[in-house]
């Protein structure tokens, strides 16, 4: 997979985490979503696909976009 595809998958995982967190789902589902996203980010770091700062920026951007959507709705 290309780097862009890997980052798109990560954005989807982060959206799942944010929807679970703010959607009031069961803790087990939230924890599972966090685990998937955390593990995926660790794999990207370990493989040298992205740098830590780039991940911080991507997560921050996804949070901002999610909250903007929530406020607009």
PDB file of N, CA and C in Angstrom:
ATOM      1  N   UNK A   1       0.838  -1.187   0.000  1.00  0.00           N
ATOM      2  CA  UNK A   1       0.000   0.000   0.000  1.00  0.00           C
ATOM      3  C   UNK A   1       0.883   1.250   0.000  1.00  0.00           C
ATOM      4  N   UNK A   2       0.389   2.268  -0.642  1.00  0.00           N
ATOM      5  CA  UNK A   2       1.095   3.540  -0.662  1.00  0.00           C
ATOM      6  C   UNK A   2       0.867   4.282   0.657  1.00  0.00           C
ATOM      7  N   UNK A   3       1.764   5.190   0.950  1.00  0.00           N
ATOM      8  CA  UNK A   3       1.673   5.955   2.205  1.00  0.00           C
ATOM      9  C   UNK A   3       0.327   6.669   2.323  1.00  0.00           C
ATOM     10  N   UNK A   4      -0.146   7.254   1.247  1.00  0.00           N
ATOM     11  CA  UNK A   4      -1.436   7.962   1.284  1.00  0.00           C
ATOM     12  C   UNK A   4      -2.577   7.018   1.654  1.00  0.00           C
ATOM     13  N   UNK A   5      -2.533   5.803   1.132  1.00  0.00           N
ATOM     14  CA  UNK A   5      -3.574   4.818   1.459  1.00  0.00           C
ATOM     15  C   UNK A   5      -3.508   4.435   2.939  1.00  0.00           C
ATOM     16  N   UNK A   6      -2.302   4.260   3.449  1.00  0.00           N
ATOM     17  CA  UNK A   6      -2.142   3.917   4.864  1.00  0.00           C
ATOM     18  C   UNK A   6      -2.671   5.031   5.761  1.00  0.00           C
ATOM     19  N   UNK A   7      -2.403   6.261   5.395  1.00  0.00           N
ATOM     20  CA  UNK A   7      -2.885   7.390   6.188  1.00  0.00           C
ATOM     21  C   UNK A   7      -4.400   7.551   6.084  1.00  0.00           C
ATOM     22  N   UNK A   8      -4.963   7.194   4.951  1.00  0.00           N
ATOM     23  CA  UNK A   8      -6.421   7.228   4.806  1.00  0.00           C
ATOM     24  C   UNK A   8      -7.074   6.204   5.731  1.00  0.00           C
ATOM     25  N   UNK A   9      -6.477   5.029   5.829  1.00  0.00           N
ATOM     26  CA  UNK A   9      -6.980   4.015   6.762  1.00  0.00           C
ATOM     27  C   UNK A   9      -6.903   4.546   8.190  1.00  0.00           C
ATOM     28  N   UNK A  10      -5.793   5.185   8.527  1.00  0.00           N
ATOM     29  CA  UNK A  10      -5.646   5.743   9.873  1.00  0.00           C
ATOM     30  C   UNK A  10      -6.704   6.802  10.148  1.00  0.00           C
ATOM     31  N   UNK A  11      -6.980   7.652   9.181  1.00  0.00           N
ATOM     32  CA  UNK A  11      -8.023   8.673   9.367  1.00  0.00           C
ATOM     33  C   UNK A  11      -9.372   8.012   9.657  1.00  0.00           C
ATOM     34  N   UNK A  12      -9.662   6.924   8.975  1.00  0.00           N
ATOM     35  CA  UNK A  12     -10.902   6.192   9.237  1.00  0.00           C
ATOM     36  C   UNK A  12     -10.940   5.617  10.638  1.00  0.00           C
ATOM     37  N   UNK A  13      -9.816   5.071  11.091  1.00  0.00           N
ATOM     38  CA  UNK A  13      -9.747   4.526  12.453  1.00  0.00           C
ATOM     39  C   UNK A  13      -9.929   5.634  13.486  1.00  0.00           C
ATOM     40  N   UNK A  14      -9.331   6.783  13.235  1.00  0.00           N
ATOM     41  CA  UNK A  14      -9.489   7.906  14.162  1.00  0.00           C
ATOM     42  C   UNK A  14     -10.929   8.405  14.185  1.00  0.00           C
ATOM     43  N   UNK A  15     -11.580   8.427  13.033  1.00  0.00           N
ATOM     44  CA  UNK A  15     -12.997   8.803  12.995  1.00  0.00           C
ATOM     45  C   UNK A  15     -13.833   7.829  13.817  1.00  0.00           C
ATOM     46  N   UNK A  16     -13.508   6.535  13.732  1.00  0.00           N
ATOM     47  CA  UNK A  16     -14.223   5.540  14.543  1.00  0.00           C
ATOM     48  C   UNK A  16     -14.064   5.831  16.028  1.00  0.00           C
ATOM     49  N   UNK A  17     -12.851   6.174  16.440  1.00  0.00           N
ATOM     50  CA  UNK A  17     -12.587   6.494  17.847  1.00  0.00           C
ATOM     51  C   UNK A  17     -13.397   7.715  18.269  1.00  0.00           C
ATOM     52  N   UNK A  18     -13.377   8.745  17.464  1.00  0.00           N
ATOM     53  CA  UNK A  18     -14.085   9.974  17.819  1.00  0.00           C
ATOM     54  C   UNK A  18     -15.591   9.775  17.847  1.00  0.00           C
ATOM     55  N   UNK A  19     -16.123   9.020  16.890  1.00  0.00           N
ATOM     56  CA  UNK A  19     -17.573   8.740  16.901  1.00  0.00           C
ATOM     57  C   UNK A  19     -17.954   7.937  18.143  1.00  0.00           C
ATOM     58  N   UNK A  20     -17.110   6.992  18.498  1.00  0.00           N
ATOM     59  CA  UNK A  20     -17.385   6.180  19.691  1.00  0.00           C
ATOM     60  C   UNK A  20     -17.304   7.033  20.951  1.00  0.00           C
ATOM     61  N   UNK A  21     -16.297   7.877  21.017  1.00  0.00           N
ATOM     62  CA  UNK A  21     -16.103   8.699  22.220  1.00  0.00           C
ATOM     63  C   UNK A  21     -17.253   9.672  22.429  1.00  0.00           C
ATOM     64  N   UNK A  22     -17.663  10.344  21.377  1.00  0.00           N
ATOM     65  CA  UNK A  22     -18.700  11.356  21.516  1.00  0.00           C
ATOM     66  C   UNK A  22     -20.097  10.808  21.250  1.00  0.00           C
ATOM     67  N   UNK A  23     -20.186   9.544  20.846  1.00  0.00           N
ATOM     68  CA  UNK A  23     -21.480   8.944  20.545  1.00  0.00           C
ATOM     69  C   UNK A  23     -22.090   8.181  21.705  1.00  0.00           C
ATOM     70  N   UNK A  24     -21.382   8.105  22.810  1.00  0.00           N
ATOM     71  CA  UNK A  24     -21.932   7.445  23.987  1.00  0.00           C
ATOM     72  C   UNK A  24     -22.012   5.932  23.869  1.00  0.00           C
ATOM     73  N   UNK A  25     -21.102   5.322  23.126  1.00  0.00           N
ATOM     74  CA  UNK A  25     -21.132   3.868  22.980  1.00  0.00           C
ATOM     75  C   UNK A  25     -20.548   3.207  24.229  1.00  0.00           C
ATOM     76  N   UNK A  26     -20.719   1.910  24.304  1.00  0.00           N
ATOM     77  CA  UNK A  26     -20.198   1.143  25.435  1.00  0.00           C
ATOM     78  C   UNK A  26     -18.678   1.287  25.513  1.00  0.00           C
ATOM     79  N   UNK A  27     -18.163   1.257  26.724  1.00  0.00           N
ATOM     80  CA  UNK A  27     -16.726   1.435  26.934  1.00  0.00           C
ATOM     81  C   UNK A  27     -15.910   0.398  26.163  1.00  0.00           C
ATOM     82  N   UNK A  28     -16.390  -0.818  26.101  1.00  0.00           N
ATOM     83  CA  UNK A  28     -15.649  -1.874  25.405  1.00  0.00           C
ATOM     84  C   UNK A  28     -15.453  -1.526  23.935  1.00  0.00           C
ATOM     85  N   UNK A  29     -16.459  -0.974  23.315  1.00  0.00           N
ATOM     86  CA  UNK A  29     -16.343  -0.589  21.906  1.00  0.00           C
ATOM     87  C   UNK A  29     -15.366   0.570  21.733  1.00  0.00           C
ATOM     88  N   UNK A  30     -15.422   1.536  22.645  1.00  0.00           N
ATOM     89  CA  UNK A  30     -14.486   2.657  22.600  1.00  0.00           C
ATOM     90  C   UNK A  30     -13.052   2.167  22.789  1.00  0.00           C
ATOM     91  N   UNK A  31     -12.853   1.284  23.763  1.00  0.00           N
ATOM     92  CA  UNK A  31     -11.512   0.752  24.039  1.00  0.00           C
ATOM     93  C   UNK A  31     -10.981  -0.026  22.832  1.00  0.00           C
ATOM     94  N   UNK A  32     -11.832  -0.784  22.186  1.00  0.00           N
ATOM     95  CA  UNK A  32     -11.420  -1.542  21.015  1.00  0.00           C
ATOM     96  C   UNK A  32     -11.008  -0.601  19.884  1.00  0.00           C
ATOM     97  N   UNK A  33     -11.797   0.445  19.656  1.00  0.00           N
ATOM     98  CA  UNK A  33     -11.478   1.418  18.609  1.00  0.00           C
ATOM     99  C   UNK A  33     -10.140   2.097  18.905  1.00  0.00           C
ATOM    100  N   UNK A  34      -9.921   2.454  20.172  1.00  0.00           N
ATOM    101  CA  UNK A  34      -8.645   3.054  20.569  1.00  0.00           C
ATOM    102  C   UNK A  34      -7.496   2.088  20.313  1.00  0.00           C
ATOM    103  N   UNK A  35      -7.698   0.841  20.664  1.00  0.00           N
ATOM    104  CA  UNK A  35      -6.658  -0.163  20.475  1.00  0.00           C
ATOM    105  C   UNK A  35      -6.269  -0.334  19.020  1.00  0.00           C
ATOM    106  N   UNK A  36      -7.270  -0.373  18.142  1.00  0.00           N
ATOM    107  CA  UNK A  36      -6.983  -0.499  16.712  1.00  0.00           C
ATOM    108  C   UNK A  36      -6.177   0.699  16.209  1.00  0.00           C
ATOM    109  N   UNK A  37      -6.634   1.905  16.567  1.00  0.00           N
ATOM    110  CA  UNK A  37      -5.949   3.114  16.100  1.00  0.00           C
ATOM    111  C   UNK A  37      -4.536   3.195  16.674  1.00  0.00           C
ATOM    112  N   UNK A  38      -4.385   2.918  17.962  1.00  0.00           N
ATOM    113  CA  UNK A  38      -3.064   2.971  18.592  1.00  0.00           C
ATOM    114  C   UNK A  38      -2.111   1.958  17.977  1.00  0.00           C
ATOM    115  N   UNK A  39      -2.591   0.750  17.775  1.00  0.00           N
ATOM    116  CA  UNK A  39      -1.755  -0.283  17.173  1.00  0.00           C
ATOM    117  C   UNK A  39      -1.348   0.061  15.760  1.00  0.00           C
ATOM    118  N   UNK A  40      -2.261   0.623  15.013  1.00  0.00           N
ATOM    119  CA  UNK A  40      -1.970   1.008  13.628  1.00  0.00           C
ATOM    120  C   UNK A  40      -0.919   2.122  13.599  1.00  0.00           C
ATOM    121  N   UNK A  41      -1.074   3.100  14.493  1.00  0.00           N
ATOM    122  CA  UNK A  41      -0.091   4.179  14.542  1.00  0.00           C
ATOM    123  C   UNK A  41       1.283   3.643  14.943  1.00  0.00           C
ATOM    124  N   UNK A  42       1.320   2.723  15.889  1.00  0.00           N
ATOM    125  CA  UNK A  42       2.592   2.130  16.314  1.00  0.00           C
ATOM    126  C   UNK A  42       3.245   1.394  15.148  1.00  0.00           C
ATOM    127  N   UNK A  43       2.449   0.671  14.374  1.00  0.00           N
ATOM    128  CA  UNK A  43       2.988  -0.058  13.228  1.00  0.00           C
ATOM    129  C   UNK A  43       3.550   0.908  12.185  1.00  0.00           C
ATOM    130  N   UNK A  44       2.855   2.017  11.947  1.00  0.00           N
ATOM    131  CA  UNK A  44       3.348   3.009  10.996  1.00  0.00           C
ATOM    132  C   UNK A  44       4.668   3.613  11.461  1.00  0.00           C
ATOM    133  N   UNK A  45       4.755   3.898  12.757  1.00  0.00           N
ATOM    134  CA  UNK A  45       6.002   4.430  13.311  1.00  0.00           C
ATOM    135  C   UNK A  45       7.130   3.413  13.216  1.00  0.00           C
ATOM    136  N   UNK A  46       6.855   2.185  13.627  1.00  0.00           N
ATOM    137  CA  UNK A  46       7.877   1.135  13.627  1.00  0.00           C
ATOM    138  C   UNK A  46       8.386   0.824  12.221  1.00  0.00           C
ATOM    139  N   UNK A  47       7.511   0.925  11.245  1.00  0.00           N
ATOM    140  CA  UNK A  47       7.892   0.642   9.860  1.00  0.00           C
ATOM    141  C   UNK A  47       8.590   1.830   9.201  1.00  0.00           C
ATOM    142  N   UNK A  48       8.610   2.962   9.901  1.00  0.00           N
ATOM    143  CA  UNK A  48       9.259   4.144   9.342  1.00  0.00           C
ATOM    144  C   UNK A  48       8.446   4.830   8.267  1.00  0.00           C
ATOM    145  N   UNK A  49       7.153   4.552   8.238  1.00  0.00           N
ATOM    146  CA  UNK A  49       6.281   5.151   7.225  1.00  0.00           C
ATOM    147  C   UNK A  49       6.038   6.624   7.521  1.00  0.00           C
ATOM    148  N   UNK A  50       5.883   6.950   8.812  1.00  0.00           N
ATOM    149  CA  UNK A  50       5.646   8.334   9.226  1.00  0.00           C
ATOM    150  C   UNK A  50       6.496   8.653  10.450  1.00  0.00           C
ATOM    151  N   UNK A  51       6.690   9.931  10.671  1.00  0.00           N
ATOM    152  CA  UNK A  51       7.381  10.411  11.868  1.00  0.00           C
ATOM    153  C   UNK A  51       6.350  10.750  12.930  1.00  0.00           C
ATOM    154  N   UNK A  52       6.798  10.777  14.167  1.00  0.00           N
ATOM    155  CA  UNK A  52       5.907  11.049  15.288  1.00  0.00           C
ATOM    156  C   UNK A  52       5.202  12.396  15.143  1.00  0.00           C
ATOM    157  N   UNK A  53       5.923  13.423  14.738  1.00  0.00           N
ATOM    158  CA  UNK A  53       5.323  14.751  14.588  1.00  0.00           C
ATOM    159  C   UNK A  53       4.219  14.741  13.531  1.00  0.00           C
ATOM    160  N   UNK A  54       4.422  14.010  12.452  1.00  0.00           N
ATOM    161  CA  UNK A  54       3.403  13.913  11.402  1.00  0.00           C
ATOM    162  C   UNK A  54       2.139  13.245  11.938  1.00  0.00           C
ATOM    163  N   UNK A  55       2.307  12.237  12.799  1.00  0.00           N
ATOM    164  CA  UNK A  55       1.138  11.596  13.409  1.00  0.00           C
ATOM    165  C   UNK A  55       0.409  12.554  14.335  1.00  0.00           C
ATOM    166  N   UNK A  56       1.151  13.315  15.139  1.00  0.00           N
ATOM    167  CA  UNK A  56       0.523  14.306  16.012  1.00  0.00           C
ATOM    168  C   UNK A  56      -0.327  15.272  15.199  1.00  0.00           C
ATOM    169  N   UNK A  57       0.224  15.736  14.087  1.00  0.00           N
ATOM    170  CA  UNK A  57      -0.497  16.683  13.246  1.00  0.00           C
ATOM    171  C   UNK A  57      -1.726  16.050  12.609  1.00  0.00           C
ATOM    172  N   UNK A  58      -1.609  14.802  12.165  1.00  0.00           N
ATOM    173  CA  UNK A  58      -2.738  14.108  11.554  1.00  0.00           C
ATOM    174  C   UNK A  58      -3.862  13.904  12.564  1.00  0.00           C
ATOM    175  N   UNK A  59      -3.523  13.467  13.766  1.00  0.00           N
ATOM    176  CA  UNK A  59      -4.533  13.256  14.812  1.00  0.00           C
ATOM    177  C   UNK A  59      -5.197  14.576  15.178  1.00  0.00           C
ATOM    178  N   UNK A  60      -4.408  15.605  15.335  1.00  0.00           N
ATOM    179  CA  UNK A  60      -4.948  16.921  15.663  1.00  0.00           C
ATOM    180  C   UNK A  60      -5.904  17.415  14.577  1.00  0.00           C
ATOM    181  N   UNK A  61      -5.520  17.219  13.334  1.00  0.00           N
ATOM    182  CA  UNK A  61      -6.356  17.640  12.215  1.00  0.00           C
ATOM    183  C   UNK A  61      -7.673  16.862  12.187  1.00  0.00           C
ATOM    184  N   UNK A  62      -7.602  15.560  12.423  1.00  0.00           N
ATOM    185  CA  UNK A  62      -8.825  14.753  12.425  1.00  0.00           C
ATOM    186  C   UNK A  62      -9.760  15.170  13.559  1.00  0.00           C
ATOM    187  N   UNK A  63      -9.203  15.434  14.732  1.00  0.00           N
ATOM    188  CA  UNK A  63     -10.031  15.902  15.859  1.00  0.00           C
ATOM    189  C   UNK A  63     -10.708  17.221  15.517  1.00  0.00           C
ATOM    190  N   UNK A  64      -9.935  18.157  14.953  1.00  0.00           N
ATOM    191  CA  UNK A  64     -10.489  19.453  14.594  1.00  0.00           C
ATOM    192  C   UNK A  64     -11.620  19.308  13.580  1.00  0.00           C
ATOM    193  N   UNK A  65     -11.392  18.505  12.536  1.00  0.00           N
ATOM    194  CA  UNK A  65     -12.428  18.291  11.517  1.00  0.00           C
ATOM    195  C   UNK A  65     -13.683  17.666  12.113  1.00  0.00           C
ATOM    196  N   UNK A  66     -13.495  16.677  12.984  1.00  0.00           N
ATOM    197  CA  UNK A  66     -14.629  16.009  13.602  1.00  0.00           C
ATOM    198  C   UNK A  66     -15.450  17.009  14.430  1.00  0.00           C
ATOM    199  N   UNK A  67     -14.751  17.805  15.246  1.00  0.00           N
ATOM    200  CA  UNK A  67     -15.463  18.755  16.088  1.00  0.00           C
ATOM    201  C   UNK A  67     -16.148  19.844  15.277  1.00  0.00           C
ATOM    202  N   UNK A  68     -15.542  20.255  14.183  1.00  0.00           N
ATOM    203  CA  UNK A  68     -16.175  21.239  13.308  1.00  0.00           C
ATOM    204  C   UNK A  68     -17.457  20.672  12.716  1.00  0.00           C
ATOM    205  N   UNK A  69     -17.429  19.411  12.299  1.00  0.00           N
ATOM    206  CA  UNK A  69     -18.636  18.757  11.770  1.00  0.00           C
ATOM    207  C   UNK A  69     -19.726  18.681  12.825  1.00  0.00           C
ATOM    208  N   UNK A  70     -19.326  18.365  14.060  1.00  0.00           N
ATOM    209  CA  UNK A  70     -20.284  18.250  15.156  1.00  0.00           C
ATOM    210  C   UNK A  70     -20.943  19.595  15.447  1.00  0.00           C
ATOM    211  N   UNK A  71     -20.163  20.644  15.412  1.00  0.00           N
ATOM    212  CA  UNK A  71     -20.701  21.984  15.689  1.00  0.00           C
ATOM    213  C   UNK A  71     -21.604  22.454  14.564  1.00  0.00           C
ATOM    214  N   UNK A  72     -21.304  22.049  13.339  1.00  0.00           N
ATOM    215  CA  UNK A  72     -22.117  22.474  12.186  1.00  0.00           C
ATOM    216  C   UNK A  72     -23.454  21.729  12.145  1.00  0.00           C
ATOM    217  N   UNK A  73     -23.507  20.556  12.737  1.00  0.00           N
ATOM    218  CA  UNK A  73     -24.735  19.745  12.692  1.00  0.00           C
ATOM    219  C   UNK A  73     -25.777  20.219  13.676  1.00  0.00           C
TER     220      UNK A  73
END
